[in-house]
Amino acid sequence: MKIKKSAQAGSLESCDVMVRIEPSQKERKIIIESDVIEQFEEQIQKVVESVLDKYDIDTILIKIQDKGALDFVITSRVETALKRSSKCIKETSYVK
């Protein structure tokens, strides 16, 4: 998948996450802000990385503002932002 433009998904409501992505020419950079960063930073990082790996994305700037979202919420928000950015309309299954 190719990141064509900036995009976002989610909200700053409790139990949600705001995901903002931008194209990058150099690297994959993930910036995480969270109310529970000390407990869950590694898990949030793993979830985001797994979605980026699934779509074979190596160059991106992604900013995560977490308000206590569960893994499946983070996954769906990242996927939505990626689809908006790439103008991809193909549906994906969340069940493996």
PDB file of N, CA and C in Angstrom:
ATOM      1  N   MET A   1       0.851  -1.172   0.000  1.00  0.00           N
ATOM      2  CA  MET A   1       0.000   0.000   0.000  1.00  0.00           C
ATOM      3  C   MET A   1       0.897   1.234   0.000  1.00  0.00           C
ATOM      4  N   LYS A   2       0.510   2.233  -0.772  1.00  0.00           N
ATOM      5  CA  LYS A   2       1.281   3.474  -0.857  1.00  0.00           C
ATOM      6  C   LYS A   2       0.526   4.586  -0.150  1.00  0.00           C
ATOM      7  N   ILE A   3       1.220   5.277   0.740  1.00  0.00           N
ATOM      8  CA  ILE A   3       0.645   6.408   1.464  1.00  0.00           C
ATOM      9  C   ILE A   3       0.736   7.625   0.554  1.00  0.00           C
ATOM     10  N   LYS A   4      -0.425   8.140   0.126  1.00  0.00           N
ATOM     11  CA  LYS A   4      -0.452   9.225  -0.845  1.00  0.00           C
ATOM     12  C   LYS A   4      -0.658  10.597  -0.223  1.00  0.00           C
ATOM     13  N   LYS A   5      -1.329  10.652   0.923  1.00  0.00           N
ATOM     14  CA  LYS A   5      -1.628  11.945   1.540  1.00  0.00           C
ATOM     15  C   LYS A   5      -1.825  11.764   3.035  1.00  0.00           C
ATOM     16  N   SER A   6      -1.881  12.873   3.747  1.00  0.00           N
ATOM     17  CA  SER A   6      -2.157  12.829   5.184  1.00  0.00           C
ATOM     18  C   SER A   6      -3.604  12.408   5.403  1.00  0.00           C
ATOM     19  N   ALA A   7      -3.831  11.697   6.506  1.00  0.00           N
ATOM     20  CA  ALA A   7      -5.189  11.263   6.835  1.00  0.00           C
ATOM     21  C   ALA A   7      -5.272  11.020   8.331  1.00  0.00           C
ATOM     22  N   GLN A   8      -6.502  10.915   8.822  1.00  0.00           N
ATOM     23  CA  GLN A   8      -6.704  10.616  10.241  1.00  0.00           C
ATOM     24  C   GLN A   8      -7.967   9.799  10.427  1.00  0.00           C
ATOM     25  N   ALA A   9      -8.040   9.182  11.595  1.00  0.00           N
ATOM     26  CA  ALA A   9      -9.217   8.414  11.983  1.00  0.00           C
ATOM     27  C   ALA A   9      -9.280   8.381  13.498  1.00  0.00           C
ATOM     28  N   GLY A  10     -10.494   8.315  14.025  1.00  0.00           N
ATOM     29  CA  GLY A  10     -10.680   8.209  15.464  1.00  0.00           C
ATOM     30  C   GLY A  10     -11.077   9.513  16.105  1.00  0.00           C
ATOM     31  N   SER A  11     -11.056   9.501  17.434  1.00  0.00           N
ATOM     32  CA  SER A  11     -11.419  10.689  18.201  1.00  0.00           C
ATOM     33  C   SER A  11     -10.603  10.726  19.485  1.00  0.00           C
ATOM     34  N   LEU A  12     -10.792  11.785  20.235  1.00  0.00           N
ATOM     35  CA  LEU A  12     -10.104  11.919  21.518  1.00  0.00           C
ATOM     36  C   LEU A  12     -11.044  11.631  22.685  1.00  0.00           C
ATOM     37  N   GLU A  13     -12.101  10.897  22.404  1.00  0.00           N
ATOM     38  CA  GLU A  13     -13.030  10.481  23.447  1.00  0.00           C
ATOM     39  C   GLU A  13     -12.402   9.368  24.288  1.00  0.00           C
ATOM     40  N   SER A  14     -12.921   9.179  25.470  1.00  0.00           N
ATOM     41  CA  SER A  14     -12.448   8.104  26.342  1.00  0.00           C
ATOM     42  C   SER A  14     -12.614   6.754  25.640  1.00  0.00           C
ATOM     43  N   CYS A  15     -11.637   5.882  25.796  1.00  0.00           N
ATOM     44  CA  CYS A  15     -11.614   4.533  25.206  1.00  0.00           C
ATOM     45  C   CYS A  15     -11.474   4.539  23.688  1.00  0.00           C
ATOM     46  N   ASP A  16     -10.990   5.632  23.124  1.00  0.00           N
ATOM     47  CA  ASP A  16     -10.772   5.717  21.682  1.00  0.00           C
ATOM     48  C   ASP A  16      -9.330   6.148  21.434  1.00  0.00           C
ATOM     49  N   VAL A  17      -8.978   6.315  20.187  1.00  0.00           N
ATOM     50  CA  VAL A  17      -7.636   6.720  19.805  1.00  0.00           C
ATOM     51  C   VAL A  17      -7.725   7.576  18.542  1.00  0.00           C
ATOM     52  N   MET A  18      -6.927   8.630  18.478  1.00  0.00           N
ATOM     53  CA  MET A  18      -6.823   9.454  17.271  1.00  0.00           C
ATOM     54  C   MET A  18      -5.542   9.046  16.567  1.00  0.00           C
ATOM     55  N   VAL A  19      -5.673   8.664  15.308  1.00  0.00           N
ATOM     56  CA  VAL A  19      -4.531   8.245  14.498  1.00  0.00           C
ATOM     57  C   VAL A  19      -4.368   9.241  13.360  1.00  0.00           C
ATOM     58  N   ARG A  20      -3.189   9.821  13.264  1.00  0.00           N
ATOM     59  CA  ARG A  20      -2.863  10.738  12.170  1.00  0.00           C
ATOM     60  C   ARG A  20      -1.650  10.170  11.438  1.00  0.00           C
ATOM     61  N   ILE A  21      -1.749  10.100  10.119  1.00  0.00           N
ATOM     62  CA  ILE A  21      -0.628   9.582   9.337  1.00  0.00           C
ATOM     63  C   ILE A  21      -0.239  10.587   8.262  1.00  0.00           C
ATOM     64  N   GLU A  22       1.039  10.540   7.915  1.00  0.00           N
ATOM     65  CA  GLU A  22       1.591  11.393   6.872  1.00  0.00           C
ATOM     66  C   GLU A  22       2.590  10.575   6.062  1.00  0.00           C
ATOM     67  N   PRO A  23       2.700  10.885   4.776  1.00  0.00           N
ATOM     68  CA  PRO A  23       3.726  10.199   3.977  1.00  0.00           C
ATOM     69  C   PRO A  23       5.122  10.545   4.492  1.00  0.00           C
ATOM     70  N   SER A  24       6.035   9.640   4.334  1.00  0.00           N
ATOM     71  CA  SER A  24       7.430   9.863   4.709  1.00  0.00           C
ATOM     72  C   SER A  24       8.306   9.240   3.634  1.00  0.00           C
ATOM     73  N   GLN A  25       9.391   9.890   3.332  1.00  0.00           N
ATOM     74  CA  GLN A  25      10.313   9.377   2.317  1.00  0.00           C
ATOM     75  C   GLN A  25      11.420   8.522   2.912  1.00  0.00           C
ATOM     76  N   LYS A  26      11.610   8.620   4.243  1.00  0.00           N
ATOM     77  CA  LYS A  26      12.797   8.027   4.829  1.00  0.00           C
ATOM     78  C   LYS A  26      12.559   6.795   5.677  1.00  0.00           C
ATOM     79  N   GLU A  27      11.573   6.852   6.586  1.00  0.00           N
ATOM     80  CA  GLU A  27      11.511   5.813   7.606  1.00  0.00           C
ATOM     81  C   GLU A  27      10.086   5.600   8.099  1.00  0.00           C
ATOM     82  N   ARG A  28       9.938   4.586   8.914  1.00  0.00           N
ATOM     83  CA  ARG A  28       8.701   4.330   9.645  1.00  0.00           C
ATOM     84  C   ARG A  28       8.893   4.916  11.039  1.00  0.00           C
ATOM     85  N   LYS A  29       8.116   5.948  11.352  1.00  0.00           N
ATOM     86  CA  LYS A  29       8.230   6.585  12.654  1.00  0.00           C
ATOM     87  C   LYS A  29       6.862   6.597  13.313  1.00  0.00           C
ATOM     88  N   ILE A  30       6.814   6.101  14.542  1.00  0.00           N
ATOM     89  CA  ILE A  30       5.571   6.036  15.305  1.00  0.00           C
ATOM     90  C   ILE A  30       5.746   6.867  16.570  1.00  0.00           C
ATOM     91  N   ILE A  31       4.870   7.850  16.742  1.00  0.00           N
ATOM     92  CA  ILE A  31       4.884   8.703  17.927  1.00  0.00           C
ATOM     93  C   ILE A  31       3.624   8.388  18.725  1.00  0.00           C
ATOM     94  N   ILE A  32       3.799   8.030  19.982  1.00  0.00           N
ATOM     95  CA  ILE A  32       2.668   7.626  20.820  1.00  0.00           C
ATOM     96  C   ILE A  32       2.520   8.576  21.997  1.00  0.00           C
ATOM     97  N   GLU A  33       1.315   9.100  22.161  1.00  0.00           N
ATOM     98  CA  GLU A  33       0.917   9.837  23.362  1.00  0.00           C
ATOM     99  C   GLU A  33      -0.255   9.069  23.944  1.00  0.00           C
ATOM    100  N   SER A  34      -0.221   8.834  25.246  1.00  0.00           N
ATOM    101  CA  SER A  34      -1.281   8.042  25.855  1.00  0.00           C
ATOM    102  C   SER A  34      -1.448   8.402  27.321  1.00  0.00           C
ATOM    103  N   ASP A  35      -2.685   8.312  27.773  1.00  0.00           N
ATOM    104  CA  ASP A  35      -2.958   8.496  29.196  1.00  0.00           C
ATOM    105  C   ASP A  35      -2.392   7.338  30.020  1.00  0.00           C
ATOM    106  N   VAL A  36      -2.164   6.214  29.362  1.00  0.00           N
ATOM    107  CA  VAL A  36      -1.670   5.011  30.044  1.00  0.00           C
ATOM    108  C   VAL A  36      -0.354   4.532  29.415  1.00  0.00           C
ATOM    109  N   ILE A  37       0.480   5.470  29.019  1.00  0.00           N
ATOM    110  CA  ILE A  37       1.689   5.130  28.271  1.00  0.00           C
ATOM    111  C   ILE A  37       2.651   4.245  29.064  1.00  0.00           C
ATOM    112  N   GLU A  38       2.754   4.465  30.346  1.00  0.00           N
ATOM    113  CA  GLU A  38       3.702   3.667  31.131  1.00  0.00           C
ATOM    114  C   GLU A  38       3.321   2.194  31.180  1.00  0.00           C
ATOM    115  N   GLN A  39       2.031   1.904  31.189  1.00  0.00           N
ATOM    116  CA  GLN A  39       1.587   0.516  31.235  1.00  0.00           C
ATOM    117  C   GLN A  39       1.490  -0.128  29.852  1.00  0.00           C
ATOM    118  N   PHE A  40       1.129   0.653  28.818  1.00  0.00           N
ATOM    119  CA  PHE A  40       0.744   0.038  27.551  1.00  0.00           C
ATOM    120  C   PHE A  40       1.493   0.523  26.315  1.00  0.00           C
ATOM    121  N   GLU A  41       2.552   1.283  26.469  1.00  0.00           N
ATOM    122  CA  GLU A  41       3.277   1.784  25.293  1.00  0.00           C
ATOM    123  C   GLU A  41       3.769   0.653  24.395  1.00  0.00           C
ATOM    124  N   GLU A  42       4.361  -0.381  24.976  1.00  0.00           N
ATOM    125  CA  GLU A  42       4.870  -1.499  24.183  1.00  0.00           C
ATOM    126  C   GLU A  42       3.762  -2.204  23.427  1.00  0.00           C
ATOM    127  N   GLN A  43       2.608  -2.403  24.066  1.00  0.00           N
ATOM    128  CA  GLN A  43       1.493  -3.086  23.412  1.00  0.00           C
ATOM    129  C   GLN A  43       0.923  -2.239  22.275  1.00  0.00           C
ATOM    130  N   ILE A  44       0.781  -0.943  22.501  1.00  0.00           N
ATOM    131  CA  ILE A  44       0.289  -0.055  21.445  1.00  0.00           C
ATOM    132  C   ILE A  44       1.248  -0.094  20.263  1.00  0.00           C
ATOM    133  N   GLN A  45       2.548  -0.029  20.548  1.00  0.00           N
ATOM    134  CA  GLN A  45       3.576  -0.093  19.506  1.00  0.00           C
ATOM    135  C   GLN A  45       3.448  -1.386  18.705  1.00  0.00           C
ATOM    136  N   LYS A  46       3.278  -2.521  19.385  1.00  0.00           N
ATOM    137  CA  LYS A  46       3.150  -3.817  18.709  1.00  0.00           C
ATOM    138  C   LYS A  46       1.929  -3.860  17.798  1.00  0.00           C
ATOM    139  N   VAL A  47       0.813  -3.334  18.271  1.00  0.00           N
ATOM    140  CA  VAL A  47      -0.418  -3.348  17.477  1.00  0.00           C
ATOM    141  C   VAL A  47      -0.242  -2.513  16.211  1.00  0.00           C
ATOM    142  N   VAL A  48       0.309  -1.311  16.360  1.00  0.00           N
ATOM    143  CA  VAL A  48       0.514  -0.434  15.207  1.00  0.00           C
ATOM    144  C   VAL A  48       1.496  -1.072  14.225  1.00  0.00           C
ATOM    145  N   GLU A  49       2.595  -1.601  14.734  1.00  0.00           N
ATOM    146  CA  GLU A  49       3.587  -2.256  13.875  1.00  0.00           C
ATOM    147  C   GLU A  49       2.971  -3.425  13.108  1.00  0.00           C
ATOM    148  N   SER A  50       2.125  -4.207  13.762  1.00  0.00           N
ATOM    149  CA  SER A  50       1.526  -5.364  13.079  1.00  0.00           C
ATOM    150  C   SER A  50       0.621  -4.932  11.926  1.00  0.00           C
ATOM    151  N   VAL A  51      -0.100  -3.837  12.101  1.00  0.00           N
ATOM    152  CA  VAL A  51      -0.945  -3.335  11.008  1.00  0.00           C
ATOM    153  C   VAL A  51      -0.074  -2.827   9.866  1.00  0.00           C
ATOM    154  N   LEU A  52       0.973  -2.078  10.186  1.00  0.00           N
ATOM    155  CA  LEU A  52       1.866  -1.572   9.143  1.00  0.00           C
ATOM    156  C   LEU A  52       2.558  -2.722   8.406  1.00  0.00           C
ATOM    157  N   ASP A  53       2.944  -3.765   9.125  1.00  0.00           N
ATOM    158  CA  ASP A  53       3.544  -4.946   8.499  1.00  0.00           C
ATOM    159  C   ASP A  53       2.543  -5.639   7.582  1.00  0.00           C
ATOM    160  N   LYS A  54       1.298  -5.745   8.028  1.00  0.00           N
ATOM    161  CA  LYS A  54       0.241  -6.391   7.243  1.00  0.00           C
ATOM    162  C   LYS A  54       0.077  -5.721   5.886  1.00  0.00           C
ATOM    163  N   TYR A  55       0.196  -4.396   5.853  1.00  0.00           N
ATOM    164  CA  TYR A  55       0.036  -3.644   4.611  1.00  0.00           C
ATOM    165  C   TYR A  55       1.369  -3.315   3.943  1.00  0.00           C
ATOM    166  N   ASP A  56       2.462  -3.883   4.471  1.00  0.00           N
ATOM    167  CA  ASP A  56       3.797  -3.729   3.900  1.00  0.00           C
ATOM    168  C   ASP A  56       4.182  -2.258   3.752  1.00  0.00           C
ATOM    169  N   ILE A  57       4.058  -1.512   4.847  1.00  0.00           N
ATOM    170  CA  ILE A  57       4.370  -0.087   4.853  1.00  0.00           C
ATOM    171  C   ILE A  57       5.657   0.134   5.646  1.00  0.00           C
ATOM    172  N   ASP A  58       6.668   0.653   4.947  1.00  0.00           N
ATOM    173  CA  ASP A  58       7.972   0.881   5.569  1.00  0.00           C
ATOM    174  C   ASP A  58       8.267   2.356   5.806  1.00  0.00           C
ATOM    175  N   THR A  59       7.620   3.241   5.062  1.00  0.00           N
ATOM    176  CA  THR A  59       7.869   4.667   5.197  1.00  0.00           C
ATOM    177  C   THR A  59       6.573   5.387   5.517  1.00  0.00           C
ATOM    178  N   ILE A  60       6.488   5.883   6.760  1.00  0.00           N
ATOM    179  CA  ILE A  60       5.284   6.559   7.224  1.00  0.00           C
ATOM    180  C   ILE A  60       5.605   7.294   8.522  1.00  0.00           C
ATOM    181  N   LEU A  61       4.900   8.379   8.746  1.00  0.00           N
ATOM    182  CA  LEU A  61       4.907   9.036  10.044  1.00  0.00           C
ATOM    183  C   LEU A  61       3.511   8.852  10.605  1.00  0.00           C
ATOM    184  N   ILE A  62       3.411   8.229  11.754  1.00  0.00           N
ATOM    185  CA  ILE A  62       2.113   7.955  12.356  1.00  0.00           C
ATOM    186  C   ILE A  62       2.110   8.465  13.796  1.00  0.00           C
ATOM    187  N   LYS A  63       1.105   9.271  14.110  1.00  0.00           N
ATOM    188  CA  LYS A  63       0.967   9.848  15.446  1.00  0.00           C
ATOM    189  C   LYS A  63      -0.274   9.251  16.096  1.00  0.00           C
ATOM    190  N   ILE A  64      -0.071   8.686  17.273  1.00  0.00           N
ATOM    191  CA  ILE A  64      -1.131   8.028  18.020  1.00  0.00           C
ATOM    192  C   ILE A  64      -1.410   8.832  19.280  1.00  0.00           C
ATOM    193  N   GLN A  65      -2.664   9.251  19.459  1.00  0.00           N
ATOM    194  CA  GLN A  65      -3.092   9.890  20.706  1.00  0.00           C
ATOM    195  C   GLN A  65      -4.136   8.965  21.324  1.00  0.00           C
ATOM    196  N   ASP A  66      -3.687   8.172  22.270  1.00  0.00           N
ATOM    197  CA  ASP A  66      -4.519   7.126  22.867  1.00  0.00           C
ATOM    198  C   ASP A  66      -5.235   7.618  24.115  1.00  0.00           C
ATOM    199  N   LYS A  67      -6.491   7.246  24.227  1.00  0.00           N
ATOM    200  CA  LYS A  67      -7.299   7.566  25.406  1.00  0.00           C
ATOM    201  C   LYS A  67      -7.832   6.282  26.041  1.00  0.00           C
ATOM    202  N   GLY A  68      -7.002   5.247  26.024  1.00  0.00           N
ATOM    203  CA  GLY A  68      -7.377   3.985  26.656  1.00  0.00           C
ATOM    204  C   GLY A  68      -8.064   3.011  25.724  1.00  0.00           C
ATOM    205  N   ALA A  69      -7.779   3.096  24.416  1.00  0.00           N
ATOM    206  CA  ALA A  69      -8.411   2.211  23.437  1.00  0.00           C
ATOM    207  C   ALA A  69      -7.892   0.778  23.561  1.00  0.00           C
ATOM    208  N   LEU A  70      -8.762  -0.160  23.287  1.00  0.00           N
ATOM    209  CA  LEU A  70      -8.380  -1.568  23.232  1.00  0.00           C
ATOM    210  C   LEU A  70      -7.688  -1.859  21.903  1.00  0.00           C
ATOM    211  N   ASP A  71      -7.005  -3.002  21.826  1.00  0.00           N
ATOM    212  CA  ASP A  71      -6.228  -3.349  20.637  1.00  0.00           C
ATOM    213  C   ASP A  71      -7.055  -3.317  19.352  1.00  0.00           C
ATOM    214  N   PHE A  72      -8.271  -3.871  19.384  1.00  0.00           N
ATOM    215  CA  PHE A  72      -9.070  -3.920  18.154  1.00  0.00           C
ATOM    216  C   PHE A  72      -9.486  -2.526  17.691  1.00  0.00           C
ATOM    217  N   VAL A  73      -9.628  -1.593  18.616  1.00  0.00           N
ATOM    218  CA  VAL A  73      -9.960  -0.207  18.253  1.00  0.00           C
ATOM    219  C   VAL A  73      -8.745   0.450  17.589  1.00  0.00           C
ATOM    220  N   ILE A  74      -7.576   0.240  18.162  1.00  0.00           N
ATOM    221  CA  ILE A  74      -6.348   0.791  17.582  1.00  0.00           C
ATOM    222  C   ILE A  74      -6.150   0.238  16.171  1.00  0.00           C
ATOM    223  N   THR A  75      -6.321  -1.060  16.018  1.00  0.00           N
ATOM    224  CA  THR A  75      -6.176  -1.703  14.709  1.00  0.00           C
ATOM    225  C   THR A  75      -7.127  -1.093  13.685  1.00  0.00           C
ATOM    226  N   SER A  76      -8.393  -0.972  14.043  1.00  0.00           N
ATOM    227  CA  SER A  76      -9.369  -0.457  13.078  1.00  0.00           C
ATOM    228  C   SER A  76      -9.113   1.004  12.740  1.00  0.00           C
ATOM    229  N   ARG A  77      -8.679   1.806  13.704  1.00  0.00           N
ATOM    230  CA  ARG A  77      -8.389   3.218  13.438  1.00  0.00           C
ATOM    231  C   ARG A  77      -7.175   3.366  12.533  1.00  0.00           C
ATOM    232  N   VAL A  78      -6.133   2.576  12.761  1.00  0.00           N
ATOM    233  CA  VAL A  78      -4.952   2.637  11.906  1.00  0.00           C
ATOM    234  C   VAL A  78      -5.314   2.198  10.492  1.00  0.00           C
ATOM    235  N   GLU A  79      -6.057   1.105  10.353  1.00  0.00           N
ATOM    236  CA  GLU A  79      -6.458   0.632   9.025  1.00  0.00           C
ATOM    237  C   GLU A  79      -7.311   1.670   8.298  1.00  0.00           C
ATOM    238  N   THR A  80      -8.223   2.311   9.004  1.00  0.00           N
ATOM    239  CA  THR A  80      -9.073   3.329   8.383  1.00  0.00           C
ATOM    240  C   THR A  80      -8.242   4.504   7.891  1.00  0.00           C
ATOM    241  N   ALA A  81      -7.316   4.979   8.712  1.00  0.00           N
ATOM    242  CA  ALA A  81      -6.455   6.092   8.300  1.00  0.00           C
ATOM    243  C   ALA A  81      -5.607   5.700   7.084  1.00  0.00           C
ATOM    244  N   LEU A  82      -5.091   4.476   7.074  1.00  0.00           N
ATOM    245  CA  LEU A  82      -4.297   4.014   5.936  1.00  0.00           C
ATOM    246  C   LEU A  82      -5.134   3.983   4.662  1.00  0.00           C
ATOM    247  N   LYS A  83      -6.341   3.484   4.747  1.00  0.00           N
ATOM    248  CA  LYS A  83      -7.221   3.419   3.573  1.00  0.00           C
ATOM    249  C   LYS A  83      -7.573   4.813   3.077  1.00  0.00           C
ATOM    250  N   ARG A  84      -7.829   5.715   3.998  1.00  0.00           N
ATOM    251  CA  ARG A  84      -8.128   7.097   3.592  1.00  0.00           C
ATOM    252  C   ARG A  84      -6.929   7.735   2.902  1.00  0.00           C
ATOM    253  N   SER A  85      -5.752   7.437   3.394  1.00  0.00           N
ATOM    254  CA  SER A  85      -4.546   8.013   2.832  1.00  0.00           C
ATOM    255  C   SER A  85      -4.219   7.457   1.456  1.00  0.00           C
ATOM    256  N   SER A  86      -4.488   6.186   1.256  1.00  0.00           N
ATOM    257  CA  SER A  86      -4.127   5.548  -0.011  1.00  0.00           C
ATOM    258  C   SER A  86      -5.282   5.514  -0.991  1.00  0.00           C
ATOM    259  N   LYS A  87      -6.449   5.954  -0.551  1.00  0.00           N
ATOM    260  CA  LYS A  87      -7.678   5.893  -1.352  1.00  0.00           C
ATOM    261  C   LYS A  87      -8.021   4.458  -1.707  1.00  0.00           C
ATOM    262  N   CYS A  88      -7.668   3.537  -0.829  1.00  0.00           N
ATOM    263  CA  CYS A  88      -7.953   2.121  -1.010  1.00  0.00           C
ATOM    264  C   CYS A  88      -9.376   1.844  -0.545  1.00  0.00           C
ATOM    265  N   ILE A  89     -10.171   1.173  -1.369  1.00  0.00           N
ATOM    266  CA  ILE A  89     -11.555   0.886  -0.983  1.00  0.00           C
ATOM    267  C   ILE A  89     -11.793  -0.598  -0.736  1.00  0.00           C
ATOM    268  N   LYS A  90     -10.774  -1.427  -0.902  1.00  0.00           N
ATOM    269  CA  LYS A  90     -10.915  -2.855  -0.688  1.00  0.00           C
ATOM    270  C   LYS A  90     -11.143  -3.126   0.798  1.00  0.00           C
ATOM    271  N   GLU A  91     -12.150  -3.902   1.113  1.00  0.00           N
ATOM    272  CA  GLU A  91     -12.446  -4.271   2.493  1.00  0.00           C
ATOM    273  C   GLU A  91     -11.487  -5.345   2.969  1.00  0.00           C
ATOM    274  N   THR A  92     -11.146  -5.303   4.238  1.00  0.00           N
ATOM    275  CA  THR A  92     -10.291  -6.328   4.820  1.00  0.00           C
ATOM    276  C   THR A  92     -11.032  -6.980   5.980  1.00  0.00           C
ATOM    277  N   SER A  93     -10.636  -8.165   6.285  1.00  0.00           N
ATOM    278  CA  SER A  93     -11.254  -8.888   7.388  1.00  0.00           C
ATOM    279  C   SER A  93     -10.454  -8.659   8.659  1.00  0.00           C
ATOM    280  N   TYR A  94     -11.145  -8.398   9.754  1.00  0.00           N
ATOM    281  CA  TYR A  94     -10.469  -8.213  11.025  1.00  0.00           C
ATOM    282  C   TYR A  94     -10.259  -9.541  11.744  1.00  0.00           C
ATOM    283  N   VAL A  95     -10.875 -10.594  11.241  1.00  0.00           N
ATOM    284  CA  VAL A  95     -10.749 -11.917  11.828  1.00  0.00           C
ATOM    285  C   VAL A  95      -9.681 -12.688  11.081  1.00  0.00           C
ATOM    286  N   LYS A  96      -8.761 -13.270  11.826  1.00  0.00           N
ATOM    287  CA  LYS A  96      -7.704 -14.050  11.181  1.00  0.00           C
ATOM    288  C   LYS A  96      -8.051 -15.506  11.192  1.00  0.00           C
TER     289      LYS A  96
END
